[in-house]
PDB file of N, CA and C in Angstrom:
ATOM      1  N   MET A   1      10.668  -8.229 -99.885  1.00  0.00           N
ATOM      2  CA  MET A   1      10.681  -9.138-100.874  1.00  0.00           C
ATOM      3  C   MET A   1       9.491  -9.907-101.110  1.00  0.00           C
ATOM      4  N   ALA A   2       8.814 -10.002-102.036  1.00  0.00           N
ATOM      5  CA  ALA A   2       7.954 -10.443-102.644  1.00  0.00           C
ATOM      6  C   ALA A   2       8.362 -12.013-102.764  1.00  0.00           C
ATOM      7  N   LYS A   3       7.456 -13.339-101.936  1.00  0.00           N
ATOM      8  CA  LYS A   3       7.763 -14.226-102.537  1.00  0.00           C
ATOM      9  C   LYS A   3       7.393 -15.407-103.619  1.00  0.00           C
ATOM     10  N   ARG A   4       7.883 -16.344-104.450  1.00  0.00           N
ATOM     11  CA  ARG A   4       7.263 -16.673-105.369  1.00  0.00           C
ATOM     12  C   ARG A   4       6.198 -17.690-104.932  1.00  0.00           C
ATOM     13  N   LYS A   5       5.150 -17.459-105.932  1.00  0.00           N
ATOM     14  CA  LYS A   5       3.925 -18.484-105.611  1.00  0.00           C
ATOM     15  C   LYS A   5       4.210 -20.388-106.232  1.00  0.00           C
ATOM     16  N   LEU A   6       5.108 -19.818-106.729  1.00  0.00           N
ATOM     17  CA  LEU A   6       5.490 -21.262-107.538  1.00  0.00           C
ATOM     18  C   LEU A   6       4.205 -21.647-108.238  1.00  0.00           C
ATOM     19  N   ASN A   7       3.057 -21.584-108.453  1.00  0.00           N
ATOM     20  CA  ASN A   7       2.179 -21.972-109.029  1.00  0.00           C
ATOM     21  C   ASN A   7       1.518 -23.251-108.021  1.00  0.00           C
ATOM     22  N   LYS A   8       1.297 -22.968-106.422  1.00  0.00           N
ATOM     23  CA  LYS A   8       0.658 -23.717-105.965  1.00  0.00           C
ATOM     24  C   LYS A   8       0.004 -22.851-104.907  1.00  0.00           C
ATOM     25  N   ASN A   9      -1.024 -23.289-104.059  1.00  0.00           N
ATOM     26  CA  ASN A   9      -1.623 -22.572-103.470  1.00  0.00           C
ATOM     27  C   ASN A   9      -1.115 -22.970-102.067  1.00  0.00           C
ATOM     28  N   SER A  10      -1.034 -21.554-101.068  1.00  0.00           N
ATOM     29  CA  SER A  10      -0.207 -21.346 -99.507  1.00  0.00           C
ATOM     30  C   SER A  10      -0.363 -23.038 -98.626  1.00  0.00           C
ATOM     31  N   SER A  11      -1.310 -23.545 -98.416  1.00  0.00           N
ATOM     32  CA  SER A  11      -0.776 -24.512 -97.903  1.00  0.00           C
ATOM     33  C   SER A  11      -0.002 -25.742 -98.338  1.00  0.00           C
ATOM     34  N   HIS A  12       0.112 -26.069-100.059  1.00  0.00           N
ATOM     35  CA  HIS A  12       0.959 -26.925-100.489  1.00  0.00           C
ATOM     36  C   HIS A  12       2.500 -25.912-100.354  1.00  0.00           C
ATOM     37  N   ARG A  13       2.158 -24.998-101.227  1.00  0.00           N
ATOM     38  CA  ARG A  13       3.792 -24.192-100.689  1.00  0.00           C
ATOM     39  C   ARG A  13       4.368 -24.510 -99.471  1.00  0.00           C
ATOM     40  N   LYS A  14       3.652 -24.393 -98.387  1.00  0.00           N
ATOM     41  CA  LYS A  14       4.186 -24.605 -96.781  1.00  0.00           C
ATOM     42  C   LYS A  14       4.705 -25.709 -96.723  1.00  0.00           C
ATOM     43  N   ALA A  15       3.406 -27.132 -96.880  1.00  0.00           N
ATOM     44  CA  ALA A  15       3.949 -28.212 -97.213  1.00  0.00           C
ATOM     45  C   ALA A  15       5.095 -28.691 -97.535  1.00  0.00           C
ATOM     46  N   MET A  16       5.523 -28.181 -98.641  1.00  0.00           N
ATOM     47  CA  MET A  16       6.292 -28.801 -99.595  1.00  0.00           C
ATOM     48  C   MET A  16       7.534 -28.035 -99.473  1.00  0.00           C
ATOM     49  N   PHE A  17       7.798 -26.564 -98.957  1.00  0.00           N
ATOM     50  CA  PHE A  17       9.213 -26.363 -98.199  1.00  0.00           C
ATOM     51  C   PHE A  17       9.829 -26.828 -96.988  1.00  0.00           C
ATOM     52  N   ARG A  18       8.474 -27.582 -96.290  1.00  0.00           N
ATOM     53  CA  ARG A  18       8.545 -28.272 -94.940  1.00  0.00           C
ATOM     54  C   ARG A  18       9.059 -29.324 -95.040  1.00  0.00           C
ATOM     55  N   ASN A  19       8.650 -30.131 -95.958  1.00  0.00           N
ATOM     56  CA  ASN A  19       9.374 -31.264 -96.456  1.00  0.00           C
ATOM     57  C   ASN A  19      10.745 -31.109 -96.933  1.00  0.00           C
ATOM     58  N   MET A  20      11.221 -30.378 -97.844  1.00  0.00           N
ATOM     59  CA  MET A  20      12.009 -29.921 -98.269  1.00  0.00           C
ATOM     60  C   MET A  20      13.192 -29.535 -97.413  1.00  0.00           C
ATOM     61  N   LEU A  21      12.875 -28.628 -96.749  1.00  0.00           N
ATOM     62  CA  LEU A  21      13.459 -28.415 -95.368  1.00  0.00           C
ATOM     63  C   LEU A  21      14.023 -29.206 -94.433  1.00  0.00           C
ATOM     64  N   THR A  22      13.036 -30.273 -94.570  1.00  0.00           N
ATOM     65  CA  THR A  22      13.524 -31.660 -93.293  1.00  0.00           C
ATOM     66  C   THR A  22      14.656 -32.584 -94.111  1.00  0.00           C
ATOM     67  N   ASP A  23      14.393 -32.822 -95.847  1.00  0.00           N
ATOM     68  CA  ASP A  23      15.779 -33.321 -96.333  1.00  0.00           C
ATOM     69  C   ASP A  23      16.428 -32.606 -96.463  1.00  0.00           C
ATOM     70  N   PHE A  24      16.756 -31.308 -96.790  1.00  0.00           N
ATOM     71  CA  PHE A  24      17.824 -30.870 -96.618  1.00  0.00           C
ATOM     72  C   PHE A  24      18.779 -30.642 -95.716  1.00  0.00           C
ATOM     73  N   PHE A  25      18.318 -30.647 -94.090  1.00  0.00           N
ATOM     74  CA  PHE A  25      18.588 -31.232 -92.856  1.00  0.00           C
ATOM     75  C   PHE A  25      19.615 -32.311 -93.044  1.00  0.00           C
ATOM     76  N   ARG A  26      18.722 -33.019 -92.952  1.00  0.00           N
ATOM     77  CA  ARG A  26      18.613 -34.727 -93.012  1.00  0.00           C
ATOM     78  C   ARG A  26      19.959 -35.583 -94.043  1.00  0.00           C
ATOM     79  N   HIS A  27      19.915 -34.539 -95.401  1.00  0.00           N
ATOM     80  CA  HIS A  27      21.132 -35.372 -96.031  1.00  0.00           C
ATOM     81  C   HIS A  27      22.103 -34.118 -96.287  1.00  0.00           C
ATOM     82  N   GLU A  28      22.212 -32.818 -95.558  1.00  0.00           N
ATOM     83  CA  GLU A  28      22.936 -31.874 -95.691  1.00  0.00           C
ATOM     84  C   GLU A  28      22.951 -31.159 -97.211  1.00  0.00           C
ATOM     85  N   GLN A  29      22.166 -32.085 -98.327  1.00  0.00           N
ATOM     86  CA  GLN A  29      22.204 -31.291 -99.502  1.00  0.00           C
ATOM     87  C   GLN A  29      20.947 -31.866-100.076  1.00  0.00           C
ATOM     88  N   ILE A  30      20.335 -31.153-101.092  1.00  0.00           N
ATOM     89  CA  ILE A  30      19.480 -31.709-102.085  1.00  0.00           C
ATOM     90  C   ILE A  30      19.490 -30.938-103.204  1.00  0.00           C
ATOM     91  N   GLU A  31      19.034 -31.713-104.382  1.00  0.00           N
ATOM     92  CA  GLU A  31      18.637 -31.316-105.834  1.00  0.00           C
ATOM     93  C   GLU A  31      17.303 -31.060-106.411  1.00  0.00           C
ATOM     94  N   THR A  32      17.208 -29.949-106.739  1.00  0.00           N
ATOM     95  CA  THR A  32      15.902 -28.922-106.971  1.00  0.00           C
ATOM     96  C   THR A  32      15.745 -28.101-108.059  1.00  0.00           C
ATOM     97  N   SER A  33      15.046 -28.002-108.530  1.00  0.00           N
ATOM     98  CA  SER A  33      14.637 -26.606-109.547  1.00  0.00           C
ATOM     99  C   SER A  33      15.897 -25.225-108.811  1.00  0.00           C
ATOM    100  N   LEU A  34      16.409 -24.768-109.502  1.00  0.00           N
ATOM    101  CA  LEU A  34      16.893 -23.221-109.457  1.00  0.00           C
ATOM    102  C   LEU A  34      16.175 -22.633-108.730  1.00  0.00           C
ATOM    103  N   ILE A  35      14.933 -22.242-108.433  1.00  0.00           N
ATOM    104  CA  ILE A  35      13.910 -21.526-108.393  1.00  0.00           C
ATOM    105  C   ILE A  35      13.661 -21.773-106.886  1.00  0.00           C
ATOM    106  N   LYS A  36      12.993 -23.037-106.932  1.00  0.00           N
ATOM    107  CA  LYS A  36      12.441 -23.380-105.314  1.00  0.00           C
ATOM    108  C   LYS A  36      13.453 -23.272-104.200  1.00  0.00           C
ATOM    109  N   ALA A  37      15.624 -23.435-104.750  1.00  0.00           N
ATOM    110  CA  ALA A  37      16.078 -23.650-104.336  1.00  0.00           C
ATOM    111  C   ALA A  37      16.576 -22.114-103.558  1.00  0.00           C
ATOM    112  N   LYS A  38      16.246 -21.419-104.728  1.00  0.00           N
ATOM    113  CA  LYS A  38      16.434 -19.679-104.050  1.00  0.00           C
ATOM    114  C   LYS A  38      15.153 -19.551-103.016  1.00  0.00           C
ATOM    115  N   GLU A  39      14.327 -20.027-103.122  1.00  0.00           N
ATOM    116  CA  GLU A  39      13.618 -19.730-102.187  1.00  0.00           C
ATOM    117  C   GLU A  39      13.474 -20.516-100.786  1.00  0.00           C
ATOM    118  N   LEU A  40      14.049 -21.596-100.880  1.00  0.00           N
ATOM    119  CA  LEU A  40      14.640 -22.779 -99.692  1.00  0.00           C
ATOM    120  C   LEU A  40      15.602 -21.595 -98.629  1.00  0.00           C
ATOM    121  N   ARG A  41      16.421 -21.180 -99.302  1.00  0.00           N
ATOM    122  CA  ARG A  41      17.539 -20.563 -98.727  1.00  0.00           C
ATOM    123  C   ARG A  41      17.602 -19.772 -97.669  1.00  0.00           C
ATOM    124  N   PRO A  42      16.574 -18.613 -97.607  1.00  0.00           N
ATOM    125  CA  PRO A  42      16.366 -17.766 -96.672  1.00  0.00           C
ATOM    126  C   PRO A  42      15.981 -18.495 -95.490  1.00  0.00           C
ATOM    127  N   GLN A  43      14.888 -20.162 -96.010  1.00  0.00           N
ATOM    128  CA  GLN A  43      14.346 -20.526 -94.653  1.00  0.00           C
ATOM    129  C   GLN A  43      15.138 -21.207 -93.976  1.00  0.00           C
ATOM    130  N   ALA A  44      16.140 -22.003 -94.557  1.00  0.00           N
ATOM    131  CA  ALA A  44      17.086 -22.634 -93.989  1.00  0.00           C
ATOM    132  C   ALA A  44      17.993 -21.628 -93.143  1.00  0.00           C
ATOM    133  N   GLU A  45      18.740 -20.943 -93.614  1.00  0.00           N
ATOM    134  CA  GLU A  45      19.398 -19.972 -92.867  1.00  0.00           C
ATOM    135  C   GLU A  45      18.778 -19.117 -91.951  1.00  0.00           C
ATOM    136  N   LYS A  46      17.329 -18.964 -91.966  1.00  0.00           N
ATOM    137  CA  LYS A  46      16.741 -19.157 -90.493  1.00  0.00           C
ATOM    138  C   LYS A  46      16.925 -19.758 -89.373  1.00  0.00           C
ATOM    139  N   LEU A  47      16.617 -20.910 -89.875  1.00  0.00           N
ATOM    140  CA  LEU A  47      16.271 -22.022 -89.063  1.00  0.00           C
ATOM    141  C   LEU A  47      17.760 -22.601 -88.289  1.00  0.00           C
ATOM    142  N   ILE A  48      18.732 -22.235 -89.159  1.00  0.00           N
ATOM    143  CA  ILE A  48      20.201 -22.682 -88.781  1.00  0.00           C
ATOM    144  C   ILE A  48      20.807 -21.323 -87.774  1.00  0.00           C
ATOM    145  N   THR A  49      20.567 -19.987 -87.983  1.00  0.00           N
ATOM    146  CA  THR A  49      20.365 -18.857 -86.938  1.00  0.00           C
ATOM    147  C   THR A  49      19.913 -19.190 -85.609  1.00  0.00           C
ATOM    148  N   THR A  50      18.413 -19.869 -85.370  1.00  0.00           N
ATOM    149  CA  THR A  50      17.613 -19.914 -84.478  1.00  0.00           C
ATOM    150  C   THR A  50      18.127 -21.238 -83.843  1.00  0.00           C
ATOM    151  N   ALA A  51      18.744 -22.337 -84.278  1.00  0.00           N
ATOM    152  CA  ALA A  51      19.674 -23.428 -83.893  1.00  0.00           C
ATOM    153  C   ALA A  51      20.299 -23.276 -83.256  1.00  0.00           C
ATOM    154  N   ARG A  52      20.933 -21.990 -84.172  1.00  0.00           N
ATOM    155  CA  ARG A  52      22.403 -21.509 -83.120  1.00  0.00           C
ATOM    156  C   ARG A  52      22.596 -21.328 -81.054  1.00  0.00           C
ATOM    157  N   ASN A  53      21.496 -20.756 -80.989  1.00  0.00           N
ATOM    158  CA  ASN A  53      21.140 -20.719 -79.844  1.00  0.00           C
ATOM    159  C   ASN A  53      20.191 -21.803 -79.142  1.00  0.00           C
ATOM    160  N   ASN A  54      21.326 -22.609 -78.774  1.00  0.00           N
ATOM    161  CA  ASN A  54      20.781 -24.014 -78.125  1.00  0.00           C
ATOM    162  C   ASN A  54      19.831 -23.983 -76.857  1.00  0.00           C
ATOM    163  N   GLU A  55      18.239 -23.318 -77.120  1.00  0.00           N
ATOM    164  CA  GLU A  55      17.867 -23.264 -75.747  1.00  0.00           C
ATOM    165  C   GLU A  55      16.474 -23.733 -76.322  1.00  0.00           C
ATOM    166  N   LEU A  56      16.013 -23.785 -75.259  1.00  0.00           N
ATOM    167  CA  LEU A  56      14.212 -24.849 -74.995  1.00  0.00           C
ATOM    168  C   LEU A  56      12.969 -23.878 -76.591  1.00  0.00           C
ATOM    169  N   ASN A  57      13.299 -22.727 -76.244  1.00  0.00           N
ATOM    170  CA  ASN A  57      12.410 -22.123 -77.209  1.00  0.00           C
ATOM    171  C   ASN A  57      12.538 -21.905 -78.423  1.00  0.00           C
ATOM    172  N   ALA A  58      14.409 -21.846 -78.547  1.00  0.00           N
ATOM    173  CA  ALA A  58      14.659 -22.214 -80.002  1.00  0.00           C
ATOM    174  C   ALA A  58      14.209 -23.766 -80.413  1.00  0.00           C
ATOM    175  N   ARG A  59      14.160 -24.525 -79.998  1.00  0.00           N
ATOM    176  CA  ARG A  59      13.955 -25.799 -80.338  1.00  0.00           C
ATOM    177  C   ARG A  59      12.400 -26.220 -80.576  1.00  0.00           C
ATOM    178  N   ARG A  60      11.865 -25.204 -79.792  1.00  0.00           N
ATOM    179  CA  ARG A  60      10.408 -25.581 -80.079  1.00  0.00           C
ATOM    180  C   ARG A  60      10.091 -24.592 -81.196  1.00  0.00           C
ATOM    181  N   LYS A  61      10.693 -23.729 -81.479  1.00  0.00           N
ATOM    182  CA  LYS A  61      10.686 -22.741 -82.805  1.00  0.00           C
ATOM    183  C   LYS A  61      10.659 -23.833 -84.090  1.00  0.00           C
ATOM    184  N   VAL A  62      11.785 -24.141 -84.111  1.00  0.00           N
ATOM    185  CA  VAL A  62      12.272 -25.234 -85.056  1.00  0.00           C
ATOM    186  C   VAL A  62      11.376 -26.431 -85.194  1.00  0.00           C
ATOM    187  N   HIS A  63      10.963 -27.042 -84.262  1.00  0.00           N
ATOM    188  CA  HIS A  63      10.110 -28.089 -84.258  1.00  0.00           C
ATOM    189  C   HIS A  63       8.933 -28.029 -84.769  1.00  0.00           C
ATOM    190  N   LYS A  64       8.377 -26.639 -85.024  1.00  0.00           N
ATOM    191  CA  LYS A  64       7.184 -25.796 -85.318  1.00  0.00           C
ATOM    192  C   LYS A  64       7.567 -26.105 -86.931  1.00  0.00           C
ATOM    193  N   VAL A  65       8.794 -26.099 -87.459  1.00  0.00           N
ATOM    194  CA  VAL A  65       8.636 -26.206 -88.945  1.00  0.00           C
ATOM    195  C   VAL A  65       9.315 -27.752 -89.577  1.00  0.00           C
ATOM    196  N   ILE A  66      10.105 -28.190 -88.526  1.00  0.00           N
ATOM    197  CA  ILE A  66      10.730 -29.370 -88.904  1.00  0.00           C
ATOM    198  C   ILE A  66       9.981 -30.434 -88.351  1.00  0.00           C
ATOM    199  N   ARG A  67       9.210 -31.121 -88.337  1.00  0.00           N
ATOM    200  CA  ARG A  67       8.415 -32.078 -87.322  1.00  0.00           C
ATOM    201  C   ARG A  67       8.959 -33.611 -87.045  1.00  0.00           C
ATOM    202  N   ASP A  68      10.277 -34.013 -87.883  1.00  0.00           N
ATOM    203  CA  ASP A  68      10.544 -35.132 -87.306  1.00  0.00           C
ATOM    204  C   ASP A  68      12.023 -34.604 -86.401  1.00  0.00           C
ATOM    205  N   LYS A  69      11.888 -35.433 -85.351  1.00  0.00           N
ATOM    206  CA  LYS A  69      12.772 -35.319 -83.728  1.00  0.00           C
ATOM    207  C   LYS A  69      14.219 -35.841 -84.214  1.00  0.00           C
ATOM    208  N   GLU A  70      14.555 -36.645 -84.894  1.00  0.00           N
ATOM    209  CA  GLU A  70      15.994 -36.869 -85.397  1.00  0.00           C
ATOM    210  C   GLU A  70      16.898 -35.549 -86.061  1.00  0.00           C
ATOM    211  N   VAL A  71      15.708 -34.947 -86.772  1.00  0.00           N
ATOM    212  CA  VAL A  71      16.438 -34.092 -88.303  1.00  0.00           C
ATOM    213  C   VAL A  71      16.959 -32.495 -86.902  1.00  0.00           C
ATOM    214  N   VAL A  72      15.654 -32.410 -86.183  1.00  0.00           N
ATOM    215  CA  VAL A  72      15.988 -32.086 -85.165  1.00  0.00           C
ATOM    216  C   VAL A  72      16.669 -31.704 -84.225  1.00  0.00           C
ATOM    217  N   LYS A  73      17.210 -32.682 -83.834  1.00  0.00           N
ATOM    218  CA  LYS A  73      18.005 -33.229 -82.960  1.00  0.00           C
ATOM    219  C   LYS A  73      19.588 -33.099 -83.611  1.00  0.00           C
ATOM    220  N   LYS A  74      20.073 -33.624 -85.271  1.00  0.00           N
ATOM    221  CA  LYS A  74      20.946 -33.476 -85.718  1.00  0.00           C
ATOM    222  C   LYS A  74      21.181 -32.059 -86.539  1.00  0.00           C
ATOM    223  N   LEU A  75      20.118 -31.226 -86.419  1.00  0.00           N
ATOM    224  CA  LEU A  75      20.416 -29.613 -86.770  1.00  0.00           C
ATOM    225  C   LEU A  75      21.027 -29.296 -85.061  1.00  0.00           C
ATOM    226  N   PHE A  76      20.369 -28.997 -84.547  1.00  0.00           N
ATOM    227  CA  PHE A  76      21.012 -28.775 -82.883  1.00  0.00           C
ATOM    228  C   PHE A  76      22.363 -28.817 -82.375  1.00  0.00           C
ATOM    229  N   ASP A  77      22.384 -30.287 -82.836  1.00  0.00           N
ATOM    230  CA  ASP A  77      23.812 -31.214 -82.184  1.00  0.00           C
ATOM    231  C   ASP A  77      24.941 -31.454 -83.139  1.00  0.00           C
ATOM    232  N   GLU A  78      24.866 -31.221 -84.509  1.00  0.00           N
ATOM    233  CA  GLU A  78      25.710 -31.259 -85.463  1.00  0.00           C
ATOM    234  C   GLU A  78      25.688 -30.195 -86.374  1.00  0.00           C
ATOM    235  N   ILE A  79      24.942 -29.292 -86.645  1.00  0.00           N
ATOM    236  CA  ILE A  79      25.109 -28.891 -87.850  1.00  0.00           C
ATOM    237  C   ILE A  79      25.307 -27.120 -87.654  1.00  0.00           C
ATOM    238  N   ALA A  80      24.092 -27.020 -86.541  1.00  0.00           N
ATOM    239  CA  ALA A  80      24.514 -25.370 -86.091  1.00  0.00           C
ATOM    240  C   ALA A  80      25.585 -25.350 -84.939  1.00  0.00           C
ATOM    241  N   PRO A  81      26.488 -26.274 -84.389  1.00  0.00           N
ATOM    242  CA  PRO A  81      27.577 -26.038 -83.820  1.00  0.00           C
ATOM    243  C   PRO A  81      28.575 -25.801 -84.994  1.00  0.00           C
ATOM    244  N   GLN A  82      28.627 -25.914 -85.830  1.00  0.00           N
ATOM    245  CA  GLN A  82      29.547 -25.770 -87.053  1.00  0.00           C
ATOM    246  C   GLN A  82      29.855 -24.414 -87.553  1.00  0.00           C
ATOM    247  N   TYR A  83      28.435 -23.762 -87.163  1.00  0.00           N
ATOM    248  CA  TYR A  83      28.517 -22.213 -87.739  1.00  0.00           C
ATOM    249  C   TYR A  83      28.292 -21.426 -86.624  1.00  0.00           C
ATOM    250  N   THR A  84      28.944 -21.235 -85.486  1.00  0.00           N
ATOM    251  CA  THR A  84      28.859 -20.884 -84.185  1.00  0.00           C
ATOM    252  C   THR A  84      29.804 -19.413 -84.319  1.00  0.00           C
ATOM    253  N   ASP A  85      30.676 -19.250 -85.161  1.00  0.00           N
ATOM    254  CA  ASP A  85      31.598 -17.836 -85.383  1.00  0.00           C
ATOM    255  C   ASP A  85      31.232 -17.502 -86.767  1.00  0.00           C
ATOM    256  N   ARG A  86      30.403 -18.275 -87.501  1.00  0.00           N
ATOM    257  CA  ARG A  86      30.286 -17.387 -88.869  1.00  0.00           C
ATOM    258  C   ARG A  86      28.641 -16.678 -88.838  1.00  0.00           C
ATOM    259  N   PRO A  87      28.842 -15.517 -89.250  1.00  0.00           N
ATOM    260  CA  PRO A  87      27.485 -14.566 -88.956  1.00  0.00           C
ATOM    261  C   PRO A  87      26.121 -14.875 -90.398  1.00  0.00           C
ATOM    262  N   GLY A  88      26.832 -15.598 -91.382  1.00  0.00           N
ATOM    263  CA  GLY A  88      25.300 -15.954 -91.885  1.00  0.00           C
ATOM    264  C   GLY A  88      26.306 -16.358 -93.474  1.00  0.00           C
ATOM    265  N   GLY A  89      25.272 -16.935 -94.530  1.00  0.00           N
ATOM    266  CA  GLY A  89      25.476 -17.702 -95.254  1.00  0.00           C
ATOM    267  C   GLY A  89      26.006 -19.300 -95.160  1.00  0.00           C
ATOM    268  N   TYR A  90      25.516 -19.589 -94.619  1.00  0.00           N
ATOM    269  CA  TYR A  90      25.406 -21.173 -93.984  1.00  0.00           C
ATOM    270  C   TYR A  90      25.115 -22.302 -95.277  1.00  0.00           C
ATOM    271  N   THR A  91      24.559 -21.664 -96.617  1.00  0.00           N
ATOM    272  CA  THR A  91      24.475 -22.356 -97.525  1.00  0.00           C
ATOM    273  C   THR A  91      24.825 -21.758 -98.811  1.00  0.00           C
ATOM    274  N   LYS A  92      24.881 -22.732-100.204  1.00  0.00           N
ATOM    275  CA  LYS A  92      25.573 -22.792-101.631  1.00  0.00           C
ATOM    276  C   LYS A  92      24.622 -23.094-102.269  1.00  0.00           C
ATOM    277  N   ILE A  93      24.245 -22.370-103.630  1.00  0.00           N
ATOM    278  CA  ILE A  93      23.765 -22.977-104.977  1.00  0.00           C
ATOM    279  C   ILE A  93      24.108 -23.016-105.463  1.00  0.00           C
ATOM    280  N   LEU A  94      24.756 -24.219-106.168  1.00  0.00           N
ATOM    281  CA  LEU A  94      25.439 -24.898-107.642  1.00  0.00           C
ATOM    282  C   LEU A  94      24.701 -25.316-108.657  1.00  0.00           C
ATOM    283  N   LYS A  95      24.469 -24.152-109.692  1.00  0.00           N
ATOM    284  CA  LYS A  95      23.471 -24.504-110.494  1.00  0.00           C
ATOM    285  C   LYS A  95      24.014 -25.608-111.564  1.00  0.00           C
ATOM    286  N   MET A  96      23.234 -26.877-111.926  1.00  0.00           N
ATOM    287  CA  MET A  96      23.649 -27.875-112.495  1.00  0.00           C
ATOM    288  C   MET A  96      22.795 -27.748-114.530  1.00  0.00           C
ATOM    289  N   TYR A  97      22.958 -28.517-114.939  1.00  0.00           N
ATOM    290  CA  TYR A  97      21.855 -28.947-116.186  1.00  0.00           C
ATOM    291  C   TYR A  97      20.900 -28.590-116.138  1.00  0.00           C
ATOM    292  N   PRO A  98      19.982 -27.906-117.520  1.00  0.00           N
ATOM    293  CA  PRO A  98      19.066 -28.189-117.481  1.00  0.00           C
ATOM    294  C   PRO A  98      17.998 -29.443-117.414  1.00  0.00           C
ATOM    295  N   ARG A  99      16.971 -29.699-117.091  1.00  0.00           N
ATOM    296  CA  ARG A  99      16.160 -30.798-116.821  1.00  0.00           C
ATOM    297  C   ARG A  99      15.944 -31.172-118.153  1.00  0.00           C
ATOM    298  N   ARG A 100      16.234 -32.707-118.321  1.00  0.00           N
ATOM    299  CA  ARG A 100      15.976 -33.067-120.014  1.00  0.00           C
ATOM    300  C   ARG A 100      14.551 -33.051-120.554  1.00  0.00           C
ATOM    301  N   GLY A 101      13.452 -33.332-119.839  1.00  0.00           N
ATOM    302  CA  GLY A 101      11.908 -33.686-119.835  1.00  0.00           C
ATOM    303  C   GLY A 101      11.391 -31.927-120.597  1.00  0.00           C
ATOM    304  N   ASP A 102      11.404 -31.040-119.515  1.00  0.00           N
ATOM    305  CA  ASP A 102      11.121 -29.688-120.259  1.00  0.00           C
ATOM    306  C   ASP A 102      11.904 -28.519-120.163  1.00  0.00           C
ATOM    307  N   ALA A 103      13.535 -28.784-119.770  1.00  0.00           N
ATOM    308  CA  ALA A 103      14.877 -28.024-119.700  1.00  0.00           C
ATOM    309  C   ALA A 103      14.391 -26.814-118.773  1.00  0.00           C
ATOM    310  N   SER A 104      13.806 -27.217-116.997  1.00  0.00           N
ATOM    311  CA  SER A 104      13.941 -26.330-115.977  1.00  0.00           C
ATOM    312  C   SER A 104      15.460 -26.399-115.592  1.00  0.00           C
ATOM    313  N   GLU A 105      15.823 -25.033-115.250  1.00  0.00           N
ATOM    314  CA  GLU A 105      16.742 -25.098-114.676  1.00  0.00           C
ATOM    315  C   GLU A 105      17.070 -26.116-113.300  1.00  0.00           C
ATOM    316  N   ARG A 106      17.845 -26.800-112.984  1.00  0.00           N
ATOM    317  CA  ARG A 106      18.120 -27.722-111.753  1.00  0.00           C
ATOM    318  C   ARG A 106      19.399 -26.930-110.603  1.00  0.00           C
ATOM    319  N   ALA A 107      19.075 -27.290-109.680  1.00  0.00           N
ATOM    320  CA  ALA A 107      20.103 -26.946-109.215  1.00  0.00           C
ATOM    321  C   ALA A 107      20.586 -27.750-107.799  1.00  0.00           C
ATOM    322  N   ILE A 108      21.635 -27.705-107.129  1.00  0.00           N
ATOM    323  CA  ILE A 108      21.739 -28.317-105.817  1.00  0.00           C
ATOM    324  C   ILE A 108      21.843 -27.454-104.545  1.00  0.00           C
ATOM    325  N   ILE A 109      21.660 -27.465-103.496  1.00  0.00           N
ATOM    326  CA  ILE A 109      21.374 -26.399-102.481  1.00  0.00           C
ATOM    327  C   ILE A 109      22.240 -27.286-101.150  1.00  0.00           C
ATOM    328  N   LYS A 110      23.463 -26.961-100.865  1.00  0.00           N
ATOM    329  CA  LYS A 110      23.976 -27.568-100.268  1.00  0.00           C
ATOM    330  C   LYS A 110      24.417 -26.567 -98.824  1.00  0.00           C
ATOM    331  N   LEU A 111      24.875 -27.314 -97.633  1.00  0.00           N
ATOM    332  CA  LEU A 111      25.661 -26.824 -96.489  1.00  0.00           C
ATOM    333  C   LEU A 111      26.910 -26.042 -96.753  1.00  0.00           C
ATOM    334  N   VAL A 112      27.411 -24.991 -96.538  1.00  0.00           N
ATOM    335  CA  VAL A 112      28.988 -24.271 -96.259  1.00  0.00           C
ATOM    336  C   VAL A 112      29.595 -25.216 -95.841  1.00  0.00           C
ATOM    337  N   GLU A 113      30.458 -25.863 -95.573  1.00  0.00           N
ATOM    338  CA  GLU A 113      31.843 -26.385 -95.171  1.00  0.00           C
ATOM    339  C   GLU A 113      32.850 -25.486 -94.553  1.00  0.00           C
TER     340      GLU A 113
END
């Protein structure tokens, strides 16, 4: 599957998704554009799957993407243990109203309870 470029170069895109993932795990939901939410979902689910394996190597892999220690601790101690019996599908995307200025589709991506 080809990834969307979102009209940004690769370093900007990588930094943007790192920041979005950090905020997503900090607040357990974020509001963004629908396309960014669809691109964020597989990355977030891979990190949760990695965090379910609570070992040092898994922490190092997650810490490469999420550089905030409190957020990594929250991911491993609070978020990942909720999904030990669930095989996947940790997030859901809720479509919202279009943005008023440019009518881009908005969405909320949140963790499934």
